[in-house]
Amino acid sequence: YWPSWTRPDGTRAGVVWTTDDAAWTTLRFSNGTPTFRTHLGSQIVPARIGTDAYRVKLSDAPLYWQGADLVATDGRVVACATREQDVKNEKERNK
């Protein structure tokens, strides 16, 4: 699941986690370079893949990001950041 928002200062931010077992996941971003923090506030520096993707270990503990828009995952995340994307994903699941 990955809700996202725009903070009052205009910075994009959000949170992601999984209900599956903990696993390495690729997150792809646009419109900036994200920074990441655990649910306890510790900063993490994930492995960068190319220009817009990051490899992180997701679990049921929330992982927060700021500074970019999350646009895709490798499938371990089960919801979307925008209503438009929710509709698109729902159509894909129902095929």
N, C-alpha and C. Protein backbone atom coordinates (compact mmCIF):
# COMPACT_ATOMS: atom_id res chain seq x y z
N TYR A 1 0.85 -1.16 0.00
CA TYR A 1 0.00 0.00 0.00
C TYR A 1 0.90 1.23 0.00
N TRP A 2 0.57 2.24 -0.79
CA TRP A 2 1.44 3.43 -0.78
C TRP A 2 0.69 4.73 -0.91
N PRO A 3 0.17 5.28 0.17
CA PRO A 3 -0.42 6.61 0.11
C PRO A 3 0.67 7.67 -0.07
N SER A 4 0.33 8.74 -0.74
CA SER A 4 1.28 9.84 -0.90
C SER A 4 0.54 11.16 -0.77
N TRP A 5 1.30 12.22 -0.58
CA TRP A 5 0.70 13.53 -0.36
C TRP A 5 1.71 14.61 -0.72
N THR A 6 1.22 15.84 -0.75
CA THR A 6 2.08 17.00 -0.92
C THR A 6 2.05 17.77 0.40
N ARG A 7 3.22 17.96 0.97
CA ARG A 7 3.32 18.69 2.23
C ARG A 7 3.05 20.17 1.99
N PRO A 8 2.76 20.94 3.05
CA PRO A 8 2.48 22.37 2.88
C PRO A 8 3.61 23.14 2.19
N ASP A 9 4.86 22.66 2.31
CA ASP A 9 5.97 23.34 1.64
C ASP A 9 6.11 22.93 0.17
N GLY A 10 5.20 22.07 -0.32
CA GLY A 10 5.22 21.64 -1.72
C GLY A 10 6.00 20.37 -1.99
N THR A 11 6.64 19.80 -0.98
CA THR A 11 7.41 18.57 -1.14
C THR A 11 6.49 17.37 -1.23
N ARG A 12 6.72 16.51 -2.24
CA ARG A 12 5.98 15.26 -2.34
C ARG A 12 6.53 14.28 -1.31
N ALA A 13 5.66 13.51 -0.69
CA ALA A 13 6.07 12.55 0.33
C ALA A 13 5.08 11.39 0.33
N GLY A 14 5.46 10.32 0.98
CA GLY A 14 4.57 9.18 1.06
C GLY A 14 5.14 8.10 1.94
N VAL A 15 4.43 6.99 1.97
CA VAL A 15 4.81 5.86 2.79
C VAL A 15 4.45 4.58 2.03
N VAL A 16 5.25 3.55 2.24
CA VAL A 16 5.00 2.28 1.57
C VAL A 16 5.32 1.14 2.54
N TRP A 17 4.57 0.05 2.42
CA TRP A 17 4.83 -1.16 3.19
C TRP A 17 4.15 -2.31 2.47
N THR A 18 4.35 -3.50 2.95
CA THR A 18 3.70 -4.65 2.35
C THR A 18 3.04 -5.48 3.43
N THR A 19 2.01 -6.20 3.06
CA THR A 19 1.37 -7.14 3.98
C THR A 19 1.92 -8.54 3.77
N ASP A 20 2.76 -8.72 2.75
CA ASP A 20 3.42 -10.00 2.51
C ASP A 20 4.63 -10.13 3.42
N ASP A 21 5.33 -11.25 3.29
CA ASP A 21 6.58 -11.42 4.03
C ASP A 21 7.58 -10.34 3.61
N ALA A 22 8.49 -9.99 4.49
CA ALA A 22 9.52 -9.01 4.17
C ALA A 22 10.31 -9.49 2.95
N ALA A 23 10.57 -8.57 2.02
CA ALA A 23 11.29 -8.93 0.79
C ALA A 23 11.89 -7.70 0.15
N TRP A 24 12.94 -7.91 -0.63
CA TRP A 24 13.55 -6.82 -1.39
C TRP A 24 12.60 -6.42 -2.51
N THR A 25 12.45 -5.12 -2.69
CA THR A 25 11.50 -4.55 -3.63
C THR A 25 12.15 -3.39 -4.37
N THR A 26 11.81 -3.23 -5.63
CA THR A 26 12.29 -2.09 -6.41
C THR A 26 11.19 -1.04 -6.48
N LEU A 27 11.52 0.19 -6.10
CA LEU A 27 10.60 1.32 -6.16
C LEU A 27 11.12 2.28 -7.22
N ARG A 28 10.24 2.73 -8.11
CA ARG A 28 10.63 3.65 -9.18
C ARG A 28 9.95 5.00 -8.94
N PHE A 29 10.75 6.08 -9.06
CA PHE A 29 10.28 7.43 -8.75
C PHE A 29 10.42 8.35 -9.96
N SER A 30 9.66 9.43 -9.95
CA SER A 30 9.81 10.50 -10.94
C SER A 30 9.78 11.84 -10.21
N ASN A 31 10.14 12.89 -10.92
CA ASN A 31 10.05 14.26 -10.40
C ASN A 31 10.87 14.51 -9.15
N GLY A 32 12.09 13.99 -9.12
CA GLY A 32 12.96 14.28 -7.99
C GLY A 32 13.75 13.08 -7.53
N THR A 33 14.58 13.32 -6.53
CA THR A 33 15.38 12.27 -5.91
C THR A 33 14.88 12.07 -4.49
N PRO A 34 14.32 10.92 -4.19
CA PRO A 34 13.74 10.72 -2.86
C PRO A 34 14.79 10.47 -1.78
N THR A 35 14.42 10.82 -0.57
CA THR A 35 15.16 10.39 0.62
C THR A 35 14.21 9.50 1.41
N PHE A 36 14.77 8.59 2.21
CA PHE A 36 13.98 7.56 2.87
C PHE A 36 14.23 7.55 4.37
N ARG A 37 13.16 7.27 5.14
CA ARG A 37 13.26 7.12 6.59
C ARG A 37 12.40 5.94 7.03
N THR A 38 12.86 5.27 8.06
CA THR A 38 12.07 4.19 8.63
C THR A 38 10.92 4.78 9.46
N HIS A 39 10.04 3.93 9.92
CA HIS A 39 8.94 4.39 10.76
C HIS A 39 9.43 4.91 12.11
N LEU A 40 10.68 4.61 12.45
CA LEU A 40 11.27 5.12 13.69
C LEU A 40 12.07 6.40 13.47
N GLY A 41 12.14 6.87 12.21
CA GLY A 41 12.82 8.12 11.90
C GLY A 41 14.26 7.99 11.45
N SER A 42 14.80 6.79 11.40
CA SER A 42 16.18 6.59 10.96
C SER A 42 16.26 6.72 9.44
N GLN A 43 17.25 7.47 8.98
CA GLN A 43 17.44 7.61 7.54
C GLN A 43 18.09 6.35 6.99
N ILE A 44 17.62 5.91 5.82
CA ILE A 44 18.26 4.79 5.15
C ILE A 44 18.69 5.26 3.75
N VAL A 45 19.71 4.62 3.23
CA VAL A 45 20.20 4.93 1.90
C VAL A 45 20.15 3.63 1.09
N PRO A 46 19.06 3.44 0.33
CA PRO A 46 18.93 2.19 -0.43
C PRO A 46 19.84 2.18 -1.66
N ALA A 47 20.05 1.00 -2.21
CA ALA A 47 20.82 0.88 -3.45
C ALA A 47 20.05 1.52 -4.58
N ARG A 48 20.73 2.37 -5.34
CA ARG A 48 20.10 3.02 -6.49
C ARG A 48 20.30 2.15 -7.72
N ILE A 49 19.23 2.02 -8.51
CA ILE A 49 19.27 1.23 -9.73
C ILE A 49 18.96 2.17 -10.88
N GLY A 50 19.94 2.47 -11.71
CA GLY A 50 19.73 3.40 -12.80
C GLY A 50 19.50 4.81 -12.28
N THR A 51 18.66 5.55 -12.99
CA THR A 51 18.45 6.95 -12.63
C THR A 51 17.23 7.19 -11.76
N ASP A 52 16.31 6.22 -11.69
CA ASP A 52 15.05 6.53 -11.01
C ASP A 52 14.51 5.42 -10.11
N ALA A 53 15.28 4.36 -9.87
CA ALA A 53 14.79 3.23 -9.08
C ALA A 53 15.70 2.96 -7.89
N TYR A 54 15.11 2.40 -6.84
CA TYR A 54 15.81 2.11 -5.60
C TYR A 54 15.39 0.74 -5.10
N ARG A 55 16.33 0.00 -4.55
CA ARG A 55 16.08 -1.34 -4.01
C ARG A 55 15.98 -1.21 -2.50
N VAL A 56 14.83 -1.58 -1.94
CA VAL A 56 14.60 -1.48 -0.50
C VAL A 56 14.01 -2.79 0.01
N LYS A 57 14.21 -3.07 1.27
CA LYS A 57 13.58 -4.23 1.87
C LYS A 57 12.30 -3.77 2.55
N LEU A 58 11.17 -4.20 2.01
CA LEU A 58 9.87 -3.83 2.57
C LEU A 58 9.39 -4.91 3.52
N SER A 59 8.68 -4.44 4.54
CA SER A 59 8.04 -5.35 5.48
C SER A 59 6.72 -4.69 5.89
N ASP A 60 6.16 -5.13 7.01
CA ASP A 60 4.93 -4.49 7.47
C ASP A 60 5.22 -3.18 8.22
N ALA A 61 6.49 -2.84 8.39
CA ALA A 61 6.87 -1.57 9.00
C ALA A 61 6.91 -0.48 7.93
N PRO A 62 6.23 0.63 8.11
CA PRO A 62 6.19 1.68 7.09
C PRO A 62 7.57 2.25 6.76
N LEU A 63 7.78 2.52 5.48
CA LEU A 63 8.98 3.18 4.98
C LEU A 63 8.52 4.48 4.35
N TYR A 64 9.00 5.60 4.86
CA TYR A 64 8.59 6.91 4.37
C TYR A 64 9.60 7.44 3.36
N TRP A 65 9.10 8.18 2.37
CA TRP A 65 9.99 8.87 1.43
C TRP A 65 9.51 10.29 1.27
N GLN A 66 10.41 11.14 0.78
CA GLN A 66 10.05 12.52 0.44
C GLN A 66 10.91 12.98 -0.71
N GLY A 67 10.41 13.95 -1.48
CA GLY A 67 11.21 14.57 -2.52
C GLY A 67 10.96 14.06 -3.93
N ALA A 68 10.02 13.15 -4.13
CA ALA A 68 9.74 12.60 -5.46
C ALA A 68 8.37 11.93 -5.44
N ASP A 69 7.93 11.50 -6.62
CA ASP A 69 6.66 10.77 -6.76
C ASP A 69 6.95 9.29 -7.00
N LEU A 70 6.40 8.42 -6.17
CA LEU A 70 6.51 6.99 -6.41
C LEU A 70 5.58 6.64 -7.56
N VAL A 71 6.11 6.03 -8.61
CA VAL A 71 5.29 5.75 -9.79
C VAL A 71 5.15 4.27 -10.09
N ALA A 72 6.00 3.41 -9.54
CA ALA A 72 5.88 1.99 -9.82
C ALA A 72 6.65 1.18 -8.79
N THR A 73 6.24 -0.09 -8.66
CA THR A 73 6.95 -1.04 -7.82
C THR A 73 7.09 -2.33 -8.62
N ASP A 74 7.80 -3.29 -8.06
CA ASP A 74 7.94 -4.56 -8.75
C ASP A 74 6.84 -5.55 -8.41
N GLY A 75 5.75 -5.08 -7.81
CA GLY A 75 4.59 -5.93 -7.60
C GLY A 75 4.32 -6.34 -6.18
N ARG A 76 5.19 -6.06 -5.25
CA ARG A 76 4.96 -6.45 -3.87
C ARG A 76 4.08 -5.46 -3.11
N VAL A 77 3.86 -4.31 -3.68
CA VAL A 77 3.01 -3.29 -3.06
C VAL A 77 1.63 -3.42 -3.70
N VAL A 78 0.58 -3.34 -2.91
CA VAL A 78 -0.74 -3.72 -3.40
C VAL A 78 -1.71 -2.57 -3.64
N ALA A 79 -1.30 -1.32 -3.50
CA ALA A 79 -2.21 -0.21 -3.76
C ALA A 79 -1.46 0.92 -4.43
N CYS A 80 -2.16 2.01 -4.73
CA CYS A 80 -1.56 3.08 -5.54
C CYS A 80 -1.71 4.44 -4.90
N ALA A 81 -0.90 5.36 -5.39
CA ALA A 81 -0.82 6.68 -4.80
C ALA A 81 -1.93 7.61 -5.25
N THR A 82 -2.52 7.38 -6.40
CA THR A 82 -3.55 8.29 -6.90
C THR A 82 -4.79 7.51 -7.29
N ARG A 83 -5.92 8.17 -7.31
CA ARG A 83 -7.17 7.52 -7.70
C ARG A 83 -7.10 7.04 -9.14
N GLU A 84 -6.49 7.82 -10.03
CA GLU A 84 -6.36 7.41 -11.43
C GLU A 84 -5.58 6.10 -11.54
N GLN A 85 -4.51 6.00 -10.77
CA GLN A 85 -3.72 4.77 -10.79
C GLN A 85 -4.48 3.62 -10.14
N ASP A 86 -5.27 3.90 -9.09
CA ASP A 86 -6.10 2.87 -8.48
C ASP A 86 -7.03 2.24 -9.50
N VAL A 87 -7.69 3.06 -10.31
CA VAL A 87 -8.62 2.57 -11.32
C VAL A 87 -7.88 1.72 -12.35
N LYS A 88 -6.74 2.19 -12.80
CA LYS A 88 -5.94 1.44 -13.79
C LYS A 88 -5.52 0.08 -13.23
N ASN A 89 -5.03 0.06 -11.99
CA ASN A 89 -4.61 -1.20 -11.39
C ASN A 89 -5.77 -2.15 -11.17
N GLU A 90 -6.91 -1.63 -10.79
CA GLU A 90 -8.09 -2.46 -10.59
C GLU A 90 -8.49 -3.13 -11.90
N LYS A 91 -8.43 -2.40 -13.00
CA LYS A 91 -8.74 -2.97 -14.31
C LYS A 91 -7.76 -4.08 -14.65
N GLU A 92 -6.48 -3.87 -14.34
CA GLU A 92 -5.45 -4.89 -14.63
C GLU A 92 -5.71 -6.16 -13.82
N ARG A 93 -6.07 -6.00 -12.55
CA ARG A 93 -6.32 -7.16 -11.68
C ARG A 93 -7.53 -7.94 -12.15
N ASN A 94 -8.52 -7.27 -12.74
CA ASN A 94 -9.76 -7.91 -13.14
C ASN A 94 -9.74 -8.50 -14.53
N LYS A 95 -8.61 -8.43 -15.23
CA LYS A 95 -8.53 -9.00 -16.58
C LYS A 95 -8.61 -10.50 -16.56
